[in-house]
Protein backbone atom coordinates (compact mmCIF):
# COMPACT_ATOMS: atom_id res chain seq x y z
CA MET A 1 12.75 28.11 152.20
CA GLN A 2 16.41 28.90 152.55
CA GLU A 3 16.68 26.34 155.32
CA ASN A 4 15.31 23.62 152.98
CA SER A 5 17.78 24.61 150.27
CA LYS A 6 20.68 24.43 152.71
CA ALA A 7 19.51 21.02 153.88
CA ASN A 8 19.28 19.76 150.31
CA VAL A 9 22.76 21.06 149.50
CA PHE A 10 24.12 19.41 152.65
CA ILE A 11 22.49 16.10 151.80
CA LEU A 12 23.71 16.31 148.20
CA GLY A 13 27.23 17.09 149.38
CA PHE A 14 27.12 14.21 151.83
CA PHE A 15 26.17 11.72 149.11
CA ILE A 16 28.80 13.13 146.77
CA PHE A 17 31.36 12.65 149.54
CA LEU A 18 30.22 9.06 150.06
CA GLY A 19 30.36 8.42 146.33
CA LEU A 20 33.85 9.81 145.96
CA SER A 21 35.04 7.91 149.03
CA SER A 22 33.63 4.64 147.66
CA LEU A 23 35.13 5.31 144.27
CA GLY A 24 38.51 6.02 145.84
CA TYR A 25 38.34 2.79 147.83
CA LEU A 26 37.44 0.77 144.76
CA LEU A 27 40.21 2.33 142.70
CA ALA A 28 42.74 1.76 145.45
CA ASN A 29 41.65 -1.86 145.84
CA ALA A 30 41.83 -2.38 142.09
CA ALA A 31 45.32 -0.86 142.02
CA VAL A 32 46.44 -3.26 144.71
CA LYS A 33 45.09 -6.21 142.76
CA VAL A 34 46.74 -5.00 139.56
CA LYS A 35 49.99 -4.67 141.47
CA GLU A 36 49.61 -8.21 142.75
CA TYR A 37 49.11 -9.53 139.23
CA GLU A 38 52.34 -7.86 138.17
CA ARG A 39 54.28 -10.13 140.52
CA SER A 40 55.56 -13.20 138.73
CA VAL A 41 58.31 -15.78 138.67
CA THR A 42 60.00 -17.34 135.64
CA ALA A 43 61.28 -20.90 135.82
CA LYS A 44 62.89 -23.32 133.38
CA GLY A 45 62.13 -27.02 133.11
CA LEU A 46 64.31 -29.62 131.40
CA SER A 47 63.32 -32.88 129.74
CA GLU A 48 66.14 -35.10 128.50
CA ARG A 49 65.80 -38.65 127.21
CA GLU A 50 67.80 -41.22 125.26
CA TYR A 51 66.52 -43.12 122.23
CA THR A 52 68.07 -45.48 119.72
CA ALA A 53 68.34 -44.08 116.19
CA ASP A 54 65.96 -45.45 113.55
CA ILE A 55 68.11 -45.29 110.42
CA ILE A 56 71.78 -45.81 109.68
CA ILE A 57 73.53 -44.47 106.58
CA TRP A 58 76.85 -46.21 106.08
CA PRO A 59 79.03 -45.03 103.15
CA ILE A 60 81.61 -47.68 102.25
CA GLN A 61 84.23 -45.70 100.36
CA PHE A 62 87.24 -47.21 98.63
CA THR A 63 89.99 -46.18 96.24
CA ALA A 64 91.74 -47.86 93.32
CA ALA A 65 94.57 -46.88 90.97
CA ASN A 66 95.88 -47.95 87.57
CA ASN A 67 97.77 -46.58 84.58
CA ASP A 68 95.13 -47.92 82.21
CA LEU A 69 91.80 -46.11 82.50
CA SER A 70 89.68 -48.96 81.16
CA GLN A 71 91.34 -51.40 83.56
CA LEU A 72 90.70 -48.97 86.40
CA TYR A 73 86.96 -48.95 85.68
CA LYS A 74 86.95 -52.74 85.64
CA LEU A 75 88.72 -52.80 89.00
CA VAL A 76 86.20 -50.36 90.47
CA ASP A 77 83.28 -52.46 89.20
CA ALA A 78 84.84 -55.63 90.58
CA ASN A 79 85.40 -54.10 94.02
CA SER A 80 81.87 -52.67 94.09
CA LEU A 81 80.49 -56.11 93.31
CA LYS A 82 82.56 -57.66 96.13
CA ILE A 83 81.14 -55.13 98.58
CA LYS A 84 77.59 -55.73 97.39
CA GLN A 85 77.95 -59.50 97.76
CA PHE A 86 79.47 -59.02 101.20
CA VAL A 87 76.60 -56.90 102.58
CA LEU A 88 73.97 -59.15 100.97
CA LYS A 89 75.58 -62.15 102.63
CA LYS A 90 75.38 -60.34 105.97
CA GLY A 91 71.61 -59.92 105.65
CA ILE A 92 71.23 -56.49 104.05
CA LYS A 93 68.48 -56.18 101.42
CA GLU A 94 69.42 -55.25 97.88
CA LYS A 95 67.11 -52.23 97.90
CA GLU A 96 69.12 -50.85 100.83
CA ILE A 97 72.32 -50.68 98.74
CA SER A 98 73.19 -47.84 96.37
CA PHE A 99 76.25 -46.90 94.28
CA SER A 100 77.65 -43.48 93.50
CA SER A 101 79.44 -42.66 90.27
CA PRO A 102 83.21 -43.16 90.64
CA VAL A 103 85.36 -40.05 90.86
CA ILE A 104 88.37 -40.39 88.57
CA THR A 105 91.52 -38.29 88.97
CA ASP A 106 94.23 -37.95 86.33
CA LYS A 107 97.34 -37.37 88.40
CA SER A 108 99.46 -36.50 85.38
CA ALA A 109 97.40 -33.33 85.04
CA GLN A 110 98.11 -32.42 88.67
CA GLN A 111 101.88 -32.89 88.76
CA TYR A 112 103.98 -30.22 90.43
CA GLY A 113 107.76 -30.12 90.01
CA ASN A 114 109.51 -33.30 88.93
CA ALA A 115 107.52 -35.70 91.15
CA LYS A 116 105.84 -38.50 89.25
CA ALA A 117 103.01 -40.64 90.61
CA GLU A 118 103.27 -44.42 90.40
CA PHE A 119 99.81 -44.64 88.82
CA ARG A 120 98.39 -42.07 86.47
CA TYR A 121 94.70 -42.63 87.30
CA ALA A 122 93.04 -42.90 90.70
CA ALA A 123 89.39 -43.63 91.42
CA MET A 124 87.16 -43.20 94.45
CA GLN A 125 83.85 -45.06 94.71
CA THR A 126 81.17 -45.15 97.43
CA VAL A 127 78.74 -47.96 98.14
CA THR A 128 76.07 -46.75 100.59
CA VAL A 129 73.99 -48.89 102.93
CA TYR A 130 70.74 -47.24 104.06
CA SER A 131 68.97 -49.42 106.60
CA GLU A 132 66.70 -49.50 109.65
CA ASP A 133 68.50 -52.57 110.99
CA ILE A 134 71.11 -50.64 112.93
CA LYS A 135 72.32 -53.58 115.00
CA ARG A 136 73.01 -55.73 111.93
CA VAL A 137 74.84 -52.97 110.10
CA ARG A 138 77.00 -52.13 113.11
CA GLU A 139 78.01 -55.78 113.43
CA MET A 140 78.83 -55.81 109.72
CA MET A 141 81.00 -52.70 110.08
CA ASN A 142 83.20 -54.55 112.56
CA SER A 143 83.84 -57.32 110.03
CA LEU A 144 84.79 -55.06 107.12
CA SER A 145 88.38 -56.27 107.41
CA GLU A 146 87.25 -59.42 105.59
CA LEU A 147 86.92 -57.32 102.46
CA GLY A 148 90.16 -55.49 103.16
CA ARG A 149 92.03 -58.79 102.96
CA SER A 150 90.65 -59.27 99.46
CA GLY A 151 92.62 -56.26 98.25
CA ILE A 152 90.13 -53.38 98.61
CA ALA A 153 91.62 -50.15 99.97
CA PHE A 154 88.99 -48.40 102.12
CA THR A 155 89.02 -44.74 103.10
CA GLY A 156 87.39 -43.21 106.15
CA ASN A 157 89.09 -39.93 106.89
CA ASN A 158 86.72 -37.51 105.18
CA TYR A 159 83.26 -36.16 105.89
CA GLN A 160 81.61 -38.00 102.98
CA SER A 161 82.59 -41.40 104.41
CA GLN A 162 81.27 -40.81 107.93
CA THR A 163 78.43 -43.01 109.16
CA LYS A 164 75.22 -41.15 110.04
CA TYR A 165 72.51 -42.16 112.49
CA ILE A 166 69.07 -40.59 112.15
CA PHE A 167 66.29 -40.37 114.76
CA THR A 168 62.90 -39.94 113.05
CA ARG A 169 60.42 -40.31 115.94
CA LEU A 170 60.72 -36.80 117.35
CA ASN A 171 57.05 -35.94 116.76
CA GLU A 172 56.05 -39.05 118.73
CA VAL A 173 58.04 -38.12 121.83
CA LYS A 174 57.45 -34.36 121.75
CA PRO A 175 54.17 -34.24 123.75
CA GLU A 176 55.48 -36.28 126.69
CA MET A 177 58.75 -34.37 126.81
CA ILE A 178 57.04 -30.96 126.72
CA GLU A 179 54.72 -32.10 129.53
CA GLU A 180 57.68 -33.27 131.57
CA ALA A 181 59.61 -30.03 131.04
CA THR A 182 56.55 -27.97 132.03
CA LYS A 183 56.10 -30.00 135.23
CA GLN A 184 59.75 -29.50 136.09
CA ALA A 185 59.37 -25.76 135.62
CA ARG A 186 56.36 -25.71 137.95
CA VAL A 187 58.30 -27.59 140.65
CA VAL A 188 61.05 -24.96 140.47
CA ALA A 189 58.50 -22.10 140.55
CA GLN A 190 56.66 -23.63 143.53
CA LYS A 191 59.91 -23.86 145.47
CA PHE A 192 60.60 -20.18 144.77
CA ALA A 193 57.07 -19.20 145.80
CA ALA A 194 57.35 -21.16 149.06
CA ASP A 195 60.71 -19.56 149.88
CA SER A 196 59.26 -16.09 149.27
CA GLN A 197 56.08 -16.88 151.27
CA SER A 198 53.93 -16.48 148.19
CA LYS A 199 51.40 -18.59 146.36
CA LEU A 200 51.89 -19.76 142.80
CA GLY A 201 49.16 -18.65 140.43
CA LYS A 202 48.26 -19.33 136.83
CA ILE A 203 50.67 -19.35 133.91
CA ARG A 204 51.31 -15.86 132.60
CA LYS A 205 53.49 -16.83 129.65
CA ALA A 206 55.13 -20.01 128.40
CA LEU A 207 57.88 -20.54 125.86
CA GLN A 208 58.81 -23.92 124.42
CA GLY A 209 62.47 -24.18 123.55
CA GLN A 210 63.83 -25.93 120.49
CA PHE A 211 64.44 -29.66 120.58
CA SER A 212 68.03 -30.76 120.14
CA ILE A 213 69.22 -34.21 119.06
CA SER A 214 72.82 -35.27 119.55
CA ALA A 215 74.88 -38.42 119.97
CA ARG A 216 75.13 -39.58 123.57
CA ASP A 217 78.90 -39.89 123.21
CA GLN A 218 81.56 -40.63 120.59
CA ASN A 219 81.50 -44.37 121.23
CA ASN A 220 77.72 -44.67 120.91
CA PRO A 221 76.60 -42.36 118.09
CA HIS A 222 73.57 -44.61 117.44
CA ILE A 223 72.13 -43.64 120.84
CA LYS A 224 70.58 -40.20 120.57
CA LYS A 225 70.10 -37.72 123.39
CA VAL A 226 66.92 -35.69 122.87
CA ARG A 227 66.65 -32.50 124.92
CA VAL A 228 64.21 -29.61 125.35
CA VAL A 229 63.96 -26.71 127.83
CA SER A 230 60.62 -25.00 128.53
CA THR A 231 60.45 -21.52 130.07
CA VAL A 232 57.27 -20.76 132.03
CA GLU A 233 56.27 -17.54 133.83
CA TYR A 234 53.74 -17.82 136.69
CA TYR A 235 51.77 -15.21 138.61
CA LEU A 236 52.52 -14.82 142.32
CA SER A 237 50.18 -13.78 145.09
CA ASP A 238 50.38 -13.42 148.88
């Protein structure tokens, strides 16, 4: 009877030993796999393209001066009409032209010391062209001297008179550019994996950077450079 009990205990201990050994092997193997999954590489991919702007906003700003306020307003209206007729003649539609209210300055109220201005009143007026026909407007900008010879004094040294070019098709080009940036990141990651004698696995984490739009250069502000950088992290395995 005792011999049977000892045999049963021995058998039970043997199976417990086998169970613990198997469990240890499985846990060790799982730990190795978890450790493998912790290995990763992070790569960046760039997509950069050039597009022509869709809209041009051209503020035509001029100044006028007179000692008689009513005559000054008449001069401003006359000059605004000349500009309107000029841009219409060049092919711009009337709905693409807008006028701001003139800004009038009384220089007698701003005198310092004994200096006296030649004209008491000065006015600044802006006629704005808002158009999708960028080529036509740019050609017209180069011929603005025609109006200057008629006696209109233009200004262009402040922020309000700077021409703006707008690119509106960003949502159309986003998918292709994101795809391109992601592919570039994978190429970089594959090169790293090959150099480290590893295999590139699935994506662990991806981050899409912000799109930036800027002028290609100072001489071609109507050509926009669109840029995005994607950051992608991949798993590595042996």
